[in-house]
N, C-alpha and C. Protein backbone atom coordinates (compact mmCIF):
# COMPACT_ATOMS: atom_id res chain seq x y z
N MET A 1 224.23 1.45 64.32
CA MET A 1 224.16 2.56 65.26
C MET A 1 225.51 3.26 65.38
N ILE A 2 225.50 4.58 65.42
CA ILE A 2 226.73 5.33 65.58
C ILE A 2 227.16 5.32 67.05
N ILE A 3 226.19 5.45 67.95
CA ILE A 3 226.48 5.39 69.38
C ILE A 3 225.74 4.21 69.98
N ASP A 4 226.11 3.87 71.21
CA ASP A 4 225.54 2.71 71.89
C ASP A 4 224.01 2.78 71.90
N GLU A 5 223.38 1.68 71.49
CA GLU A 5 221.92 1.66 71.39
C GLU A 5 221.26 1.90 72.74
N ARG A 6 221.89 1.47 73.84
CA ARG A 6 221.30 1.69 75.16
C ARG A 6 221.24 3.18 75.49
N ILE A 7 222.27 3.93 75.09
CA ILE A 7 222.28 5.37 75.33
C ILE A 7 221.16 6.04 74.53
N THR A 8 221.03 5.62 73.26
CA THR A 8 219.98 6.19 72.42
C THR A 8 218.60 5.89 73.00
N THR A 9 218.39 4.66 73.45
CA THR A 9 217.11 4.29 74.05
C THR A 9 216.82 5.11 75.30
N PHE A 10 217.85 5.31 76.11
CA PHE A 10 217.67 6.11 77.33
C PHE A 10 217.31 7.55 76.99
N ILE A 11 218.00 8.13 76.02
CA ILE A 11 217.71 9.50 75.61
C ILE A 11 216.28 9.61 75.10
N HIS A 12 215.86 8.62 74.30
CA HIS A 12 214.49 8.63 73.78
C HIS A 12 213.47 8.56 74.91
N SER A 13 213.81 7.85 75.98
CA SER A 13 212.86 7.69 77.10
C SER A 13 212.60 9.01 77.82
N LEU A 14 213.48 9.97 77.64
CA LEU A 14 213.33 11.26 78.31
C LEU A 14 212.51 12.26 77.50
N GLU A 15 212.24 11.93 76.25
CA GLU A 15 211.55 12.87 75.38
C GLU A 15 210.10 13.08 75.82
N THR A 16 209.61 14.28 75.59
CA THR A 16 208.21 14.61 75.84
C THR A 16 207.46 14.61 74.50
N PRO A 17 206.18 14.30 74.50
CA PRO A 17 205.44 14.22 73.24
C PRO A 17 205.26 15.58 72.58
N GLU A 18 205.11 15.53 71.26
CA GLU A 18 204.79 16.74 70.50
C GLU A 18 203.27 16.88 70.44
N SER A 19 202.78 17.77 69.60
CA SER A 19 201.34 17.94 69.44
C SER A 19 200.74 16.65 68.89
N PRO A 20 199.47 16.39 69.16
CA PRO A 20 198.84 15.17 68.65
C PRO A 20 199.00 15.02 67.13
N LEU A 21 198.93 16.12 66.39
CA LEU A 21 199.06 16.03 64.94
C LEU A 21 200.47 15.61 64.54
N LEU A 22 201.49 16.21 65.15
CA LEU A 22 202.86 15.81 64.84
C LEU A 22 203.12 14.36 65.21
N GLU A 23 202.60 13.95 66.35
CA GLU A 23 202.76 12.56 66.76
C GLU A 23 202.10 11.62 65.75
N GLU A 24 200.93 12.01 65.26
CA GLU A 24 200.22 11.18 64.27
C GLU A 24 201.00 11.10 62.96
N ILE A 25 201.53 12.26 62.50
CA ILE A 25 202.29 12.28 61.24
C ILE A 25 203.54 11.43 61.37
N GLU A 26 204.23 11.53 62.51
CA GLU A 26 205.43 10.74 62.71
C GLU A 26 205.11 9.25 62.73
N GLU A 27 204.07 8.88 63.45
CA GLU A 27 203.69 7.46 63.54
C GLU A 27 203.33 6.90 62.17
N ARG A 28 202.58 7.67 61.38
CA ARG A 28 202.18 7.20 60.05
C ARG A 28 203.40 7.10 59.13
N ALA A 29 204.30 8.07 59.21
CA ALA A 29 205.50 8.04 58.38
C ALA A 29 206.36 6.81 58.68
N LEU A 30 206.54 6.52 59.95
CA LEU A 30 207.34 5.35 60.34
C LEU A 30 206.68 4.06 59.87
N ALA A 31 205.36 4.00 59.97
CA ALA A 31 204.63 2.81 59.54
C ALA A 31 204.74 2.62 58.03
N ASP A 32 204.81 3.73 57.30
CA ASP A 32 204.87 3.67 55.83
C ASP A 32 206.32 3.69 55.32
N HIS A 33 207.28 3.61 56.24
CA HIS A 33 208.71 3.59 55.89
C HIS A 33 209.15 4.87 55.16
N VAL A 34 208.54 5.98 55.55
CA VAL A 34 208.96 7.28 55.03
C VAL A 34 210.06 7.82 55.94
N PRO A 35 211.23 8.15 55.39
CA PRO A 35 212.31 8.63 56.25
C PRO A 35 212.01 10.00 56.85
N ILE A 36 212.06 10.08 58.17
CA ILE A 36 211.91 11.36 58.85
C ILE A 36 213.05 11.49 59.86
N ILE A 37 213.26 12.69 60.35
CA ILE A 37 214.38 12.94 61.25
C ILE A 37 214.20 12.18 62.57
N ARG A 38 215.30 11.68 63.08
CA ARG A 38 215.27 10.87 64.29
C ARG A 38 215.03 11.73 65.53
N LYS A 39 214.65 11.09 66.62
CA LYS A 39 214.30 11.81 67.84
C LYS A 39 215.43 12.72 68.31
N GLU A 40 216.67 12.21 68.26
CA GLU A 40 217.80 13.01 68.72
C GLU A 40 217.96 14.26 67.87
N THR A 41 217.75 14.11 66.57
CA THR A 41 217.86 15.24 65.66
C THR A 41 216.73 16.22 65.89
N GLN A 42 215.55 15.71 66.17
CA GLN A 42 214.43 16.59 66.50
C GLN A 42 214.76 17.48 67.69
N SER A 43 215.28 16.87 68.74
CA SER A 43 215.61 17.63 69.95
C SER A 43 216.66 18.70 69.66
N PHE A 44 217.67 18.31 68.89
CA PHE A 44 218.73 19.26 68.55
C PHE A 44 218.16 20.44 67.78
N LEU A 45 217.33 20.17 66.79
CA LEU A 45 216.76 21.24 65.98
C LEU A 45 215.92 22.19 66.82
N LYS A 46 215.15 21.64 67.74
CA LYS A 46 214.29 22.48 68.58
C LYS A 46 215.13 23.45 69.41
N VAL A 47 216.22 22.95 69.98
CA VAL A 47 217.10 23.81 70.77
C VAL A 47 217.80 24.83 69.88
N LEU A 48 218.30 24.38 68.73
CA LEU A 48 219.00 25.28 67.81
C LEU A 48 218.08 26.41 67.35
N LEU A 49 216.85 26.10 67.07
CA LEU A 49 215.90 27.13 66.62
C LEU A 49 215.64 28.17 67.70
N GLN A 50 215.62 27.73 68.94
CA GLN A 50 215.42 28.67 70.04
C GLN A 50 216.66 29.55 70.25
N ILE A 51 217.84 29.01 69.97
CA ILE A 51 219.08 29.79 70.10
C ILE A 51 219.23 30.77 68.93
N GLU A 52 219.07 30.27 67.72
CA GLU A 52 219.32 31.08 66.52
C GLU A 52 218.17 32.02 66.18
N ARG A 53 216.95 31.58 66.45
CA ARG A 53 215.74 32.36 66.17
C ARG A 53 215.73 32.91 64.74
N PRO A 54 215.76 32.00 63.76
CA PRO A 54 215.80 32.43 62.36
C PRO A 54 214.49 33.05 61.90
N GLY A 55 214.61 33.98 60.98
CA GLY A 55 213.41 34.57 60.39
C GLY A 55 213.01 33.86 59.11
N SER A 56 213.94 33.11 58.54
CA SER A 56 213.65 32.38 57.31
C SER A 56 214.45 31.09 57.28
N ILE A 57 213.80 30.02 56.83
CA ILE A 57 214.43 28.69 56.78
C ILE A 57 214.20 28.09 55.40
N LEU A 58 215.23 27.46 54.87
CA LEU A 58 215.11 26.68 53.64
C LEU A 58 215.36 25.22 53.98
N GLU A 59 214.44 24.35 53.59
CA GLU A 59 214.59 22.92 53.82
C GLU A 59 214.68 22.19 52.48
N LEU A 60 215.67 21.33 52.35
CA LEU A 60 215.79 20.49 51.17
C LEU A 60 215.33 19.09 51.54
N GLY A 61 214.18 18.69 51.04
CA GLY A 61 213.63 17.37 51.35
C GLY A 61 212.45 17.48 52.30
N THR A 62 211.25 17.64 51.76
CA THR A 62 210.05 17.81 52.58
C THR A 62 209.52 16.49 53.11
N ALA A 63 209.58 15.45 52.26
CA ALA A 63 208.92 14.17 52.54
C ALA A 63 207.44 14.45 52.81
N VAL A 64 206.92 14.07 53.99
CA VAL A 64 205.50 14.30 54.28
C VAL A 64 205.28 15.55 55.12
N GLY A 65 206.34 16.34 55.30
CA GLY A 65 206.19 17.63 55.98
C GLY A 65 206.46 17.62 57.46
N PHE A 66 206.90 16.48 58.01
CA PHE A 66 207.08 16.40 59.46
C PHE A 66 208.12 17.40 59.97
N SER A 67 209.31 17.40 59.37
CA SER A 67 210.37 18.27 59.90
C SER A 67 210.04 19.75 59.70
N ALA A 68 209.39 20.09 58.59
CA ALA A 68 208.99 21.48 58.38
C ALA A 68 208.00 21.92 59.46
N LEU A 69 207.05 21.06 59.78
CA LEU A 69 206.08 21.39 60.83
C LEU A 69 206.74 21.47 62.20
N LEU A 70 207.68 20.57 62.47
CA LEU A 70 208.39 20.62 63.74
C LEU A 70 209.16 21.92 63.86
N MET A 71 209.88 22.30 62.80
CA MET A 71 210.65 23.54 62.85
C MET A 71 209.73 24.75 62.98
N SER A 72 208.60 24.72 62.29
CA SER A 72 207.66 25.83 62.39
C SER A 72 207.11 25.99 63.80
N ALA A 73 206.94 24.86 64.49
CA ALA A 73 206.40 24.89 65.85
C ALA A 73 207.38 25.52 66.84
N TYR A 74 208.69 25.43 66.56
CA TYR A 74 209.69 25.90 67.51
C TYR A 74 210.46 27.13 67.03
N ALA A 75 210.25 27.55 65.79
CA ALA A 75 210.87 28.77 65.29
C ALA A 75 210.11 29.98 65.85
N PRO A 76 210.74 31.14 65.84
CA PRO A 76 210.05 32.32 66.36
C PRO A 76 208.85 32.71 65.50
N GLU A 77 207.93 33.42 66.09
CA GLU A 77 206.75 33.87 65.36
C GLU A 77 207.19 34.72 64.16
N GLY A 78 206.56 34.47 63.03
CA GLY A 78 206.89 35.22 61.83
C GLY A 78 207.92 34.56 60.94
N CYS A 79 208.56 33.48 61.44
CA CYS A 79 209.54 32.75 60.63
C CYS A 79 208.83 32.05 59.48
N HIS A 80 209.37 32.20 58.28
CA HIS A 80 208.79 31.53 57.12
C HIS A 80 209.71 30.41 56.65
N ILE A 81 209.12 29.26 56.35
CA ILE A 81 209.87 28.09 55.89
C ILE A 81 209.56 27.83 54.43
N THR A 82 210.61 27.70 53.63
CA THR A 82 210.48 27.27 52.24
C THR A 82 211.05 25.86 52.16
N THR A 83 210.27 24.92 51.68
CA THR A 83 210.71 23.53 51.64
C THR A 83 210.55 22.97 50.23
N ILE A 84 211.49 22.13 49.82
CA ILE A 84 211.54 21.63 48.45
C ILE A 84 211.39 20.11 48.44
N GLU A 85 210.52 19.62 47.56
CA GLU A 85 210.32 18.17 47.44
C GLU A 85 210.15 17.79 45.96
N ASN A 86 210.75 16.66 45.59
CA ASN A 86 210.71 16.21 44.20
C ASN A 86 209.89 14.95 44.00
N TYR A 87 209.54 14.26 45.11
CA TYR A 87 208.83 12.99 44.99
C TYR A 87 207.32 13.27 44.94
N GLU A 88 206.73 13.07 43.76
CA GLU A 88 205.36 13.51 43.51
C GLU A 88 204.34 12.89 44.46
N LYS A 89 204.55 11.64 44.85
CA LYS A 89 203.57 10.96 45.70
C LYS A 89 203.49 11.57 47.10
N ARG A 90 204.59 12.19 47.56
CA ARG A 90 204.60 12.73 48.92
C ARG A 90 204.13 14.19 48.98
N ILE A 91 204.18 14.87 47.86
CA ILE A 91 203.84 16.30 47.85
C ILE A 91 202.41 16.57 48.33
N PRO A 92 201.38 15.88 47.80
CA PRO A 92 200.02 16.16 48.30
C PRO A 92 199.84 15.79 49.77
N ILE A 93 200.56 14.79 50.24
CA ILE A 93 200.47 14.42 51.66
C ILE A 93 201.04 15.55 52.52
N ALA A 94 202.19 16.09 52.10
CA ALA A 94 202.79 17.19 52.85
C ALA A 94 201.87 18.41 52.84
N ARG A 95 201.32 18.73 51.69
CA ARG A 95 200.42 19.89 51.61
C ARG A 95 199.21 19.72 52.53
N GLU A 96 198.67 18.52 52.57
CA GLU A 96 197.53 18.26 53.43
C GLU A 96 197.93 18.37 54.90
N ASN A 97 199.11 17.90 55.24
CA ASN A 97 199.58 18.03 56.62
C ASN A 97 199.77 19.49 57.01
N PHE A 98 200.27 20.30 56.09
CA PHE A 98 200.42 21.74 56.37
C PHE A 98 199.06 22.38 56.56
N ARG A 99 198.08 21.96 55.75
CA ARG A 99 196.73 22.51 55.88
C ARG A 99 196.12 22.13 57.22
N ARG A 100 196.27 20.87 57.60
CA ARG A 100 195.71 20.40 58.87
C ARG A 100 196.32 21.13 60.06
N ALA A 101 197.58 21.51 59.93
CA ALA A 101 198.26 22.21 61.02
C ALA A 101 198.01 23.71 61.00
N GLY A 102 197.33 24.19 59.97
CA GLY A 102 197.09 25.62 59.85
C GLY A 102 198.36 26.40 59.54
N LYS A 103 199.27 25.76 58.81
CA LYS A 103 200.58 26.37 58.54
C LYS A 103 200.77 26.75 57.07
N GLU A 104 199.70 26.82 56.30
CA GLU A 104 199.84 27.08 54.87
C GLU A 104 200.48 28.44 54.58
N LYS A 105 200.27 29.41 55.45
CA LYS A 105 200.87 30.74 55.24
C LYS A 105 202.31 30.80 55.74
N ASP A 106 202.68 29.88 56.61
CA ASP A 106 204.02 29.89 57.20
C ASP A 106 205.01 28.99 56.47
N ILE A 107 204.48 28.05 55.68
CA ILE A 107 205.34 27.09 54.98
C ILE A 107 204.99 27.10 53.50
N THR A 108 205.99 27.33 52.67
CA THR A 108 205.81 27.28 51.22
C THR A 108 206.51 26.04 50.68
N LEU A 109 205.77 25.18 49.99
CA LEU A 109 206.34 23.97 49.41
C LEU A 109 206.58 24.22 47.92
N LEU A 110 207.84 24.06 47.51
CA LEU A 110 208.19 24.20 46.10
C LEU A 110 208.47 22.81 45.53
N GLU A 111 207.87 22.52 44.39
CA GLU A 111 208.01 21.20 43.78
C GLU A 111 209.13 21.21 42.74
N GLY A 112 209.91 20.11 42.73
CA GLY A 112 210.93 19.95 41.71
C GLY A 112 212.25 19.51 42.26
N ASP A 113 213.22 19.35 41.36
CA ASP A 113 214.57 18.99 41.74
C ASP A 113 215.17 20.08 42.61
N ALA A 114 215.73 19.69 43.74
CA ALA A 114 216.20 20.68 44.71
C ALA A 114 217.22 21.64 44.11
N LEU A 115 218.17 21.11 43.34
CA LEU A 115 219.21 21.97 42.79
C LEU A 115 218.64 22.98 41.81
N GLU A 116 217.72 22.54 40.96
CA GLU A 116 217.11 23.45 39.99
C GLU A 116 216.28 24.51 40.70
N VAL A 117 215.53 24.11 41.71
CA VAL A 117 214.72 25.07 42.46
C VAL A 117 215.61 26.08 43.17
N MET A 118 216.67 25.61 43.80
CA MET A 118 217.58 26.50 44.51
C MET A 118 218.17 27.55 43.58
N ARG A 119 218.48 27.16 42.37
CA ARG A 119 219.09 28.10 41.42
C ARG A 119 218.16 29.26 41.07
N ASN A 120 216.86 29.05 41.28
CA ASN A 120 215.89 30.10 40.98
C ASN A 120 215.48 30.90 42.21
N LEU A 121 216.09 30.60 43.35
CA LEU A 121 215.81 31.35 44.57
C LEU A 121 216.82 32.49 44.72
N GLU A 122 216.36 33.59 45.27
CA GLU A 122 217.24 34.74 45.45
C GLU A 122 217.34 35.19 46.89
N ARG A 123 216.25 35.07 47.64
CA ARG A 123 216.25 35.59 49.00
C ARG A 123 217.24 34.82 49.87
N PRO A 124 217.95 35.51 50.74
CA PRO A 124 218.85 34.80 51.65
C PRO A 124 218.06 34.16 52.80
N PHE A 125 218.62 33.08 53.34
CA PHE A 125 217.98 32.36 54.44
C PHE A 125 218.88 32.36 55.66
N ASP A 126 218.26 32.41 56.83
CA ASP A 126 219.02 32.40 58.09
C ASP A 126 219.46 30.99 58.46
N LEU A 127 218.70 30.00 58.03
CA LEU A 127 219.01 28.61 58.35
C LEU A 127 218.62 27.73 57.16
N ILE A 128 219.49 26.81 56.80
CA ILE A 128 219.19 25.83 55.76
C ILE A 128 219.32 24.44 56.36
N PHE A 129 218.27 23.64 56.19
CA PHE A 129 218.27 22.26 56.68
C PHE A 129 218.30 21.34 55.49
N MET A 130 219.41 20.62 55.31
CA MET A 130 219.61 19.75 54.17
C MET A 130 219.31 18.30 54.57
N ASP A 131 218.25 17.75 53.99
CA ASP A 131 217.83 16.39 54.33
C ASP A 131 217.21 15.73 53.11
N ALA A 132 217.92 15.83 51.98
CA ALA A 132 217.42 15.29 50.73
C ALA A 132 218.32 14.14 50.28
N ALA A 133 218.49 13.97 48.98
CA ALA A 133 219.30 12.87 48.45
C ALA A 133 220.76 13.06 48.86
N LYS A 134 221.28 12.12 49.65
CA LYS A 134 222.62 12.28 50.22
C LYS A 134 223.71 12.37 49.16
N ALA A 135 223.54 11.66 48.06
CA ALA A 135 224.56 11.70 47.01
C ALA A 135 224.65 13.07 46.34
N GLN A 136 223.63 13.90 46.55
CA GLN A 136 223.60 15.21 45.90
C GLN A 136 224.07 16.34 46.81
N TYR A 137 224.35 16.04 48.07
CA TYR A 137 224.75 17.10 49.00
C TYR A 137 225.91 17.94 48.45
N ILE A 138 226.91 17.27 47.89
CA ILE A 138 228.08 17.97 47.39
C ILE A 138 227.70 18.93 46.25
N HIS A 139 226.65 18.59 45.51
CA HIS A 139 226.19 19.45 44.42
C HIS A 139 225.30 20.58 44.93
N TYR A 140 224.60 20.34 46.03
CA TYR A 140 223.76 21.39 46.61
C TYR A 140 224.58 22.48 47.29
N LEU A 141 225.76 22.14 47.76
CA LEU A 141 226.51 23.03 48.63
C LEU A 141 226.78 24.42 48.04
N PRO A 142 227.23 24.55 46.79
CA PRO A 142 227.47 25.91 46.27
C PRO A 142 226.23 26.80 46.32
N GLU A 143 225.07 26.24 45.97
CA GLU A 143 223.84 27.02 46.03
C GLU A 143 223.43 27.31 47.47
N ALA A 144 223.64 26.35 48.36
CA ALA A 144 223.32 26.58 49.77
C ALA A 144 224.16 27.73 50.32
N LEU A 145 225.42 27.76 49.97
CA LEU A 145 226.29 28.85 50.43
C LEU A 145 225.86 30.19 49.85
N ARG A 146 225.44 30.18 48.60
CA ARG A 146 224.96 31.42 47.99
C ARG A 146 223.71 31.95 48.69
N LEU A 147 222.84 31.04 49.09
CA LEU A 147 221.56 31.43 49.67
C LEU A 147 221.62 31.66 51.18
N LEU A 148 222.72 31.28 51.82
CA LEU A 148 222.81 31.40 53.28
C LEU A 148 223.34 32.78 53.67
N GLU A 149 222.64 33.41 54.61
CA GLU A 149 223.08 34.70 55.14
C GLU A 149 224.43 34.56 55.85
N GLU A 150 225.20 35.63 55.87
CA GLU A 150 226.39 35.63 56.72
C GLU A 150 225.95 35.44 58.17
N GLY A 151 226.61 34.53 58.85
CA GLY A 151 226.20 34.20 60.21
C GLY A 151 225.09 33.17 60.27
N GLY A 152 224.60 32.77 59.09
CA GLY A 152 223.53 31.77 59.04
C GLY A 152 224.07 30.37 59.28
N VAL A 153 223.15 29.45 59.52
CA VAL A 153 223.52 28.09 59.89
C VAL A 153 223.03 27.09 58.84
N LEU A 154 223.92 26.21 58.44
CA LEU A 154 223.59 25.09 57.56
C LEU A 154 223.63 23.81 58.39
N VAL A 155 222.51 23.11 58.46
CA VAL A 155 222.41 21.84 59.18
C VAL A 155 222.20 20.73 58.16
N THR A 156 223.10 19.75 58.16
CA THR A 156 223.01 18.65 57.20
C THR A 156 222.80 17.34 57.95
N ASP A 157 221.74 16.64 57.61
CA ASP A 157 221.38 15.39 58.30
C ASP A 157 221.93 14.18 57.55
N ASN A 158 222.08 13.09 58.29
CA ASN A 158 222.46 11.76 57.74
C ASN A 158 223.83 11.76 57.09
N VAL A 159 224.81 12.39 57.71
CA VAL A 159 226.13 12.50 57.07
C VAL A 159 227.07 11.36 57.42
N LEU A 160 226.74 10.53 58.41
CA LEU A 160 227.65 9.45 58.80
C LEU A 160 227.19 8.09 58.31
N GLN A 161 226.01 8.03 57.72
CA GLN A 161 225.54 6.81 57.06
C GLN A 161 225.67 5.58 57.96
N ASP A 162 225.17 5.70 59.18
CA ASP A 162 225.26 4.60 60.15
C ASP A 162 226.69 4.12 60.35
N GLY A 163 227.64 5.03 60.21
CA GLY A 163 229.05 4.71 60.43
C GLY A 163 229.79 4.28 59.19
N ASP A 164 229.09 4.02 58.08
CA ASP A 164 229.74 3.54 56.86
C ASP A 164 230.71 4.56 56.28
N VAL A 165 230.46 5.85 56.54
CA VAL A 165 231.28 6.88 55.92
C VAL A 165 232.75 6.80 56.33
N MET A 166 233.01 6.22 57.49
CA MET A 166 234.40 6.13 57.95
C MET A 166 235.11 4.90 57.39
N GLU A 167 234.38 4.01 56.75
CA GLU A 167 234.96 2.78 56.23
C GLU A 167 235.67 3.02 54.90
N SER A 168 236.58 2.12 54.56
CA SER A 168 237.17 2.12 53.23
C SER A 168 236.07 1.88 52.20
N ARG A 169 236.22 2.47 51.00
CA ARG A 169 235.20 2.26 49.97
C ARG A 169 235.06 0.79 49.61
N PHE A 170 236.09 0.00 49.83
CA PHE A 170 236.03 -1.42 49.50
C PHE A 170 235.26 -2.22 50.55
N ALA A 171 235.04 -1.61 51.70
CA ALA A 171 234.26 -2.26 52.75
C ALA A 171 232.77 -1.94 52.64
N VAL A 172 232.44 -1.05 51.71
CA VAL A 172 231.06 -0.63 51.50
C VAL A 172 230.49 -1.38 50.30
N GLU A 173 229.22 -1.75 50.38
CA GLU A 173 228.59 -2.44 49.26
C GLU A 173 228.73 -1.62 47.99
N ARG A 174 228.95 -2.31 46.88
CA ARG A 174 229.22 -1.64 45.61
C ARG A 174 228.14 -0.61 45.28
N ARG A 175 226.89 -0.94 45.55
CA ARG A 175 225.79 -0.03 45.19
C ARG A 175 225.80 1.25 46.02
N ASN A 176 226.54 1.25 47.14
CA ASN A 176 226.59 2.43 48.01
C ASN A 176 227.89 3.22 47.86
N ARG A 177 228.74 2.81 46.95
CA ARG A 177 230.06 3.44 46.88
C ARG A 177 230.02 4.88 46.36
N THR A 178 229.10 5.18 45.47
CA THR A 178 229.00 6.55 44.98
C THR A 178 228.58 7.50 46.09
N ILE A 179 227.56 7.09 46.86
CA ILE A 179 227.12 7.91 47.99
C ILE A 179 228.25 8.06 49.01
N HIS A 180 228.93 6.95 49.28
CA HIS A 180 230.04 6.95 50.24
C HIS A 180 231.11 7.95 49.81
N LYS A 181 231.51 7.91 48.55
CA LYS A 181 232.55 8.81 48.03
C LYS A 181 232.12 10.26 48.10
N ARG A 182 230.90 10.52 47.67
CA ARG A 182 230.43 11.90 47.64
C ARG A 182 230.22 12.47 49.04
N MET A 183 229.79 11.63 49.99
CA MET A 183 229.60 12.12 51.35
C MET A 183 230.93 12.47 51.99
N ARG A 184 231.94 11.66 51.76
CA ARG A 184 233.27 11.98 52.28
C ARG A 184 233.78 13.29 51.66
N GLU A 185 233.53 13.49 50.38
CA GLU A 185 233.92 14.74 49.73
C GLU A 185 233.16 15.92 50.34
N TYR A 186 231.88 15.69 50.61
CA TYR A 186 231.05 16.76 51.18
C TYR A 186 231.55 17.16 52.57
N LEU A 187 231.82 16.17 53.41
CA LEU A 187 232.30 16.47 54.76
C LEU A 187 233.66 17.16 54.72
N TYR A 188 234.52 16.72 53.82
CA TYR A 188 235.82 17.38 53.67
C TYR A 188 235.63 18.84 53.27
N GLN A 189 234.71 19.07 52.34
CA GLN A 189 234.46 20.44 51.89
C GLN A 189 233.92 21.31 53.02
N LEU A 190 232.99 20.75 53.80
CA LEU A 190 232.45 21.52 54.93
C LEU A 190 233.54 21.93 55.91
N LYS A 191 234.48 21.04 56.17
CA LYS A 191 235.53 21.31 57.15
C LYS A 191 236.65 22.19 56.60
N HIS A 192 236.82 22.25 55.28
CA HIS A 192 237.95 22.96 54.71
C HIS A 192 237.58 24.23 53.94
N ASP A 193 236.28 24.46 53.75
CA ASP A 193 235.87 25.70 53.08
C ASP A 193 236.08 26.87 54.05
N GLU A 194 236.83 27.87 53.63
CA GLU A 194 237.17 28.99 54.51
C GLU A 194 235.97 29.85 54.87
N ARG A 195 234.89 29.68 54.15
CA ARG A 195 233.68 30.45 54.46
C ARG A 195 232.87 29.84 55.59
N LEU A 196 233.20 28.61 55.97
CA LEU A 196 232.39 27.88 56.94
C LEU A 196 233.18 27.50 58.19
N LEU A 197 232.47 27.39 59.27
CA LEU A 197 232.98 26.78 60.50
C LEU A 197 232.03 25.64 60.82
N THR A 198 232.55 24.41 60.85
CA THR A 198 231.68 23.22 60.89
C THR A 198 232.04 22.29 62.03
N SER A 199 230.99 21.76 62.67
CA SER A 199 231.14 20.70 63.66
C SER A 199 230.33 19.50 63.17
N ILE A 200 230.95 18.32 63.20
CA ILE A 200 230.27 17.08 62.80
C ILE A 200 229.94 16.30 64.06
N LEU A 201 228.67 16.01 64.25
CA LEU A 201 228.19 15.41 65.50
C LEU A 201 227.68 13.99 65.27
N PRO A 202 228.06 13.04 66.12
CA PRO A 202 227.52 11.68 66.02
C PRO A 202 226.13 11.60 66.65
N LEU A 203 225.21 12.33 66.05
CA LEU A 203 223.85 12.47 66.57
C LEU A 203 222.89 11.92 65.54
N GLY A 204 221.98 11.04 65.96
CA GLY A 204 221.09 10.41 64.99
C GLY A 204 221.92 9.60 64.01
N ASP A 205 221.80 9.92 62.74
CA ASP A 205 222.62 9.28 61.71
C ASP A 205 223.76 10.21 61.27
N GLY A 206 224.16 11.09 62.16
CA GLY A 206 225.24 12.02 61.88
C GLY A 206 224.69 13.36 61.44
N LEU A 207 225.18 14.42 62.06
CA LEU A 207 224.68 15.76 61.79
C LEU A 207 225.88 16.69 61.63
N ALA A 208 225.89 17.46 60.56
CA ALA A 208 226.92 18.48 60.37
C ALA A 208 226.28 19.85 60.58
N VAL A 209 226.88 20.65 61.44
CA VAL A 209 226.35 21.98 61.73
C VAL A 209 227.42 22.98 61.32
N SER A 210 227.08 23.83 60.35
CA SER A 210 228.03 24.78 59.79
C SER A 210 227.51 26.21 59.93
N VAL A 211 228.41 27.11 60.27
CA VAL A 211 228.09 28.53 60.32
C VAL A 211 228.81 29.24 59.18
N LYS A 212 228.08 30.04 58.43
CA LYS A 212 228.73 30.84 57.39
C LYS A 212 229.36 32.05 58.04
N LYS A 213 230.66 32.14 57.95
CA LYS A 213 231.40 33.17 58.65
C LYS A 213 231.00 34.56 58.18
N GLY A 214 230.87 35.45 59.15
CA GLY A 214 230.62 36.84 58.84
C GLY A 214 231.95 37.58 58.74
N LYS A 215 231.87 38.88 58.54
CA LYS A 215 233.07 39.68 58.36
C LYS A 215 233.94 39.74 59.60
N THR A 216 233.33 39.49 60.76
CA THR A 216 234.07 39.61 62.03
C THR A 216 234.81 38.32 62.36
N LEU A 217 234.52 37.20 61.64
CA LEU A 217 235.15 35.93 61.97
C LEU A 217 236.44 35.72 61.19
């Protein structure tokens, strides 16, 4: 845990339920060990969407479609979400969840490697939510910056790796050292790229919120 477990439990106790369908999708995902965004991150995204009111969202990492549906529920009317998924077994589940929610016209699911798909996208996005393979974040970043509108927001989930990111690489299990190294590089890039203004939050498993600077900043 990044923060005290009692605080997290208390915060969770204050949450109100989502729609029955979202609650069902979340429960099934947790039972099947499918990674979905944590409650704290859900709350943050809902508030951010109401503040930013994006007209277009790009999501990297659909899984079973939970976060795309959550964002669609709280984004302004007319907002379109494009979401990318590479894991074949989850794609039909996500599509079915979008159908059940009546969101097929509001959410477009693109299949394939996120980086390759991004390279073929041209339209700018008001908000990008990065929640895919953590070791690839550093490689996704140039394309994310290209696709993000000036003044747009990049939200990156799971950046603190349950606190491991702050440890020496020698304190991390050998199999996790590549992810550890690349995540530290990614966070450094977010904080030092002159095009971005970034805050790193100890929320959920760590959240980085970046704004692409406009001409006035």
